[in-house]
Amino acid sequence: MTQHRLIYPLIVVLAVMGVSLACQFPPGNWGSIPSPPQGPIPVSQEAAERLKRNFSLEMQEASTGREFRLFVSNEEITSLVAFSLQDSNILQLSDAQVWFTAGHVYLTGTFSPFWPLSFSSLIVATPVVRDGQIAVEVEQAQMGPFPFPQGVLASASQSLNERLAAMQIDLQITTLQVLEGELQLAGTRRPL
């Protein structure tokens, strides 16, 4: 798989890294887990496939020297994350919900490291464009009522951004907006 085909799972990478931190670091003390503002986001294979198809079409467009524009809805990203987690069998995260609002990306779900333990989990991140690449700052992460320390969040952000940089080697991101219910991304392909 070429590097440019890896952009659409960027948020999946964020989800995987954030949840995997839950297994490695001790918690503190914090509040409740939020829910999507419009209620539960439906998960469908059709929405996940639509996102993959749109991504593929936009990357083809970008290969002709034109700007690509990708619009990702809450339903599309939630479906992609849910099916990716289901297929991976690496993380025990169920009921995943991902939504975009006011510049932030929220991921919630139920993390079940082993029976009978299960924890409602949350990751809040802010994606930005830095030097033509997507970068992410993990602002909050919690498992149940327990937050992760700021040092862990900074380390997760750094590690995630290193992985993202490798995935974006031939892309120049020009626009990234996180609106209510939608992520908008635009850019061009760079010659290698």
Protein backbone atom coordinates (compact mmCIF):
# COMPACT_ATOMS: atom_id res chain seq x y z
CA MET A 1 0.00 0.00 0.00
CA THR A 2 1.44 3.39 -0.93
CA GLN A 3 1.87 6.12 1.64
CA HIS A 4 -0.87 8.40 0.26
CA ARG A 5 -3.50 5.70 0.72
CA LEU A 6 -2.93 5.81 4.49
CA ILE A 7 -4.47 9.25 5.14
CA TYR A 8 -8.06 8.08 5.64
CA PRO A 9 -7.16 5.98 8.70
CA LEU A 10 -5.45 8.88 10.49
CA ILE A 11 -8.17 9.14 13.04
CA VAL A 12 -8.19 5.37 13.41
CA VAL A 13 -4.51 5.64 14.34
CA LEU A 14 -5.42 8.27 16.93
CA ALA A 15 -8.06 5.95 18.34
CA VAL A 16 -5.73 2.96 18.49
CA MET A 17 -2.93 4.90 20.16
CA GLY A 18 -5.20 6.57 22.65
CA VAL A 19 -6.92 3.41 23.72
CA SER A 20 -3.65 1.48 23.87
CA LEU A 21 -2.38 4.06 26.35
CA ALA A 22 -5.19 2.96 28.64
CA CYS A 23 -3.37 -0.34 29.14
CA GLN A 24 -0.03 1.25 30.03
CA PHE A 25 -0.51 4.15 32.41
CA PRO A 26 -2.18 4.61 35.78
CA PRO A 27 -5.30 6.78 35.96
CA GLY A 28 -6.09 9.82 38.11
CA ASN A 29 -9.56 11.28 38.86
CA TRP A 30 -11.98 13.03 36.48
CA GLY A 31 -15.57 13.51 35.24
CA SER A 32 -18.10 11.74 33.08
CA ILE A 33 -17.84 10.61 29.45
CA PRO A 34 -19.73 12.82 26.94
CA SER A 35 -22.07 11.52 24.25
CA PRO A 36 -22.44 12.68 20.64
CA PRO A 37 -24.52 15.90 20.67
CA GLN A 38 -27.05 14.58 18.13
CA GLY A 39 -27.44 11.18 19.84
CA PRO A 40 -25.85 7.85 18.91
CA ILE A 41 -24.12 7.82 15.53
CA PRO A 42 -25.23 4.91 13.33
CA VAL A 43 -22.61 2.43 12.11
CA SER A 44 -22.92 1.01 8.61
CA GLN A 45 -20.70 -0.80 6.15
CA GLU A 46 -22.07 1.55 3.47
CA ALA A 47 -20.78 4.65 5.30
CA ALA A 48 -17.32 3.08 5.87
CA GLU A 49 -17.11 2.06 2.20
CA ARG A 50 -18.27 5.52 1.08
CA LEU A 51 -15.42 7.13 3.02
CA LYS A 52 -12.88 4.71 1.54
CA ARG A 53 -14.27 5.27 -1.96
CA ASN A 54 -14.26 9.07 -1.59
CA PHE A 55 -10.71 8.99 -0.27
CA SER A 56 -9.56 6.84 -3.18
CA LEU A 57 -11.24 9.11 -5.73
CA GLU A 58 -9.71 12.23 -4.19
CA MET A 59 -6.22 10.69 -4.17
CA GLN A 60 -6.66 9.82 -7.87
CA GLU A 61 -7.69 13.42 -8.49
CA ALA A 62 -4.63 14.67 -6.63
CA SER A 63 -2.34 12.43 -8.72
CA THR A 64 -3.30 14.54 -11.77
CA GLY A 65 -1.89 17.64 -10.10
CA ARG A 66 -5.23 18.98 -8.93
CA GLU A 67 -6.25 19.77 -5.36
CA PHE A 68 -8.09 17.05 -3.47
CA ARG A 69 -10.99 17.80 -1.14
CA LEU A 70 -12.23 15.24 1.33
CA PHE A 71 -15.33 15.69 3.48
CA VAL A 72 -15.76 13.19 6.31
CA SER A 73 -19.02 12.91 8.26
CA ASN A 74 -19.53 11.63 11.80
CA GLU A 75 -21.28 8.54 10.42
CA GLU A 76 -18.48 7.77 7.97
CA ILE A 77 -15.63 8.06 10.48
CA THR A 78 -17.56 6.24 13.22
CA SER A 79 -18.31 3.40 10.82
CA LEU A 80 -14.70 3.18 9.60
CA VAL A 81 -13.34 3.18 13.16
CA ALA A 82 -15.91 0.63 14.36
CA PHE A 83 -15.19 -1.82 11.52
CA SER A 84 -11.43 -1.29 11.75
CA LEU A 85 -11.46 -2.06 15.48
CA GLN A 86 -13.71 -5.06 14.90
CA ASP A 87 -11.40 -6.43 12.20
CA SER A 88 -8.20 -5.84 14.16
CA ASN A 89 -9.08 -7.85 17.28
CA ILE A 90 -6.16 -6.04 18.94
CA LEU A 91 -8.15 -3.63 21.09
CA GLN A 92 -11.21 -4.54 23.06
CA LEU A 93 -13.09 -1.32 22.30
CA SER A 94 -16.75 -1.63 21.46
CA ASP A 95 -19.56 0.82 20.76
CA ALA A 96 -17.10 3.29 19.22
CA GLN A 97 -18.48 6.74 18.47
CA VAL A 98 -16.43 9.43 16.72
CA TRP A 99 -17.67 12.94 16.14
CA PHE A 100 -16.43 16.31 15.00
CA THR A 101 -17.37 19.49 16.81
CA ALA A 102 -15.90 22.98 17.29
CA GLY A 103 -12.37 22.13 16.15
CA HIS A 104 -12.14 18.88 18.13
CA VAL A 105 -12.45 15.18 17.39
CA TYR A 106 -14.10 13.05 20.08
CA LEU A 107 -13.80 9.28 20.36
CA THR A 108 -15.76 7.32 22.93
CA GLY A 109 -16.33 3.63 23.45
CA THR A 110 -16.34 0.83 25.97
CA PHE A 111 -12.90 -0.60 26.68
CA SER A 112 -12.98 -4.16 28.01
CA PRO A 113 -9.45 -5.37 28.77
CA PHE A 114 -10.82 -8.61 30.23
CA TRP A 115 -14.07 -9.88 31.65
CA PRO A 116 -15.76 -8.59 33.83
CA LEU A 117 -13.96 -5.24 33.64
CA SER A 118 -15.20 -2.59 31.22
CA PHE A 119 -14.68 1.15 31.17
CA SER A 120 -16.34 3.94 29.24
CA SER A 121 -13.43 5.69 27.52
CA LEU A 122 -12.83 9.07 25.93
CA ILE A 123 -10.20 10.69 23.75
CA VAL A 124 -10.43 14.34 22.68
CA ALA A 125 -7.95 15.58 20.08
CA THR A 126 -7.41 18.69 18.00
CA PRO A 127 -6.06 18.17 14.48
CA VAL A 128 -4.19 21.07 12.84
CA VAL A 129 -2.03 21.68 9.78
CA ARG A 130 1.66 22.27 10.54
CA ASP A 131 4.16 22.70 7.73
CA GLY A 132 1.72 21.16 5.24
CA GLN A 133 1.01 18.07 7.32
CA ILE A 134 -1.72 17.00 9.69
CA ALA A 135 -0.64 17.10 13.32
CA VAL A 136 -2.74 16.11 16.31
CA GLU A 137 -2.75 17.26 19.91
CA VAL A 138 -4.35 14.78 22.27
CA GLU A 139 -6.02 17.09 24.79
CA GLN A 140 -7.89 14.65 27.00
CA ALA A 141 -8.03 10.92 27.52
CA GLN A 142 -9.89 9.12 30.23
CA MET A 143 -11.00 5.63 31.10
CA GLY A 144 -14.08 5.59 33.30
CA PRO A 145 -13.76 8.51 35.71
CA PHE A 146 -9.95 8.43 35.52
CA PRO A 147 -7.97 10.88 33.32
CA PHE A 148 -4.51 10.37 31.89
CA PRO A 149 -1.79 12.77 33.13
CA GLN A 150 -0.72 15.64 30.85
CA GLY A 151 2.72 14.09 30.38
CA VAL A 152 1.16 10.97 28.92
CA LEU A 153 -1.02 13.06 26.59
CA ALA A 154 2.03 15.01 25.36
CA SER A 155 3.93 11.77 24.76
CA ALA A 156 0.95 10.28 22.90
CA SER A 157 0.67 13.40 20.74
CA GLN A 158 4.37 13.27 19.86
CA SER A 159 4.31 9.57 19.03
CA LEU A 160 1.15 9.94 16.96
CA ASN A 161 2.57 12.91 15.04
CA GLU A 162 5.71 10.96 14.16
CA ARG A 163 3.54 8.20 12.67
CA LEU A 164 1.34 10.70 10.84
CA ALA A 165 4.37 12.43 9.30
CA ALA A 166 5.54 9.14 7.80
CA MET A 167 2.08 8.52 6.33
CA GLN A 168 1.88 11.94 4.67
CA ILE A 169 5.21 11.94 2.91
CA ASP A 170 3.76 12.79 -0.53
CA LEU A 171 0.90 15.05 0.58
CA GLN A 172 0.77 18.79 1.13
CA ILE A 173 -2.26 19.56 3.31
CA THR A 174 -3.55 23.08 2.75
CA THR A 175 -6.83 23.11 4.67
CA LEU A 176 -8.19 21.21 7.64
CA GLN A 177 -11.40 22.28 9.34
CA VAL A 178 -13.29 20.46 12.05
CA LEU A 179 -16.86 21.70 11.88
CA GLU A 180 -20.05 20.51 13.53
CA GLY A 181 -20.49 16.95 12.27
CA GLU A 182 -17.85 17.12 9.54
CA LEU A 183 -14.12 17.21 8.91
CA GLN A 184 -12.97 19.00 5.75
CA LEU A 185 -9.53 18.31 4.34
CA ALA A 186 -7.85 19.71 1.21
CA GLY A 187 -4.40 19.50 -0.27
CA THR A 188 -2.19 18.44 -3.14
CA ARG A 189 0.30 15.69 -3.92
CA ARG A 190 3.99 16.53 -3.71
CA PRO A 191 6.49 15.00 -6.11
CA LEU A 192 8.80 12.64 -4.24
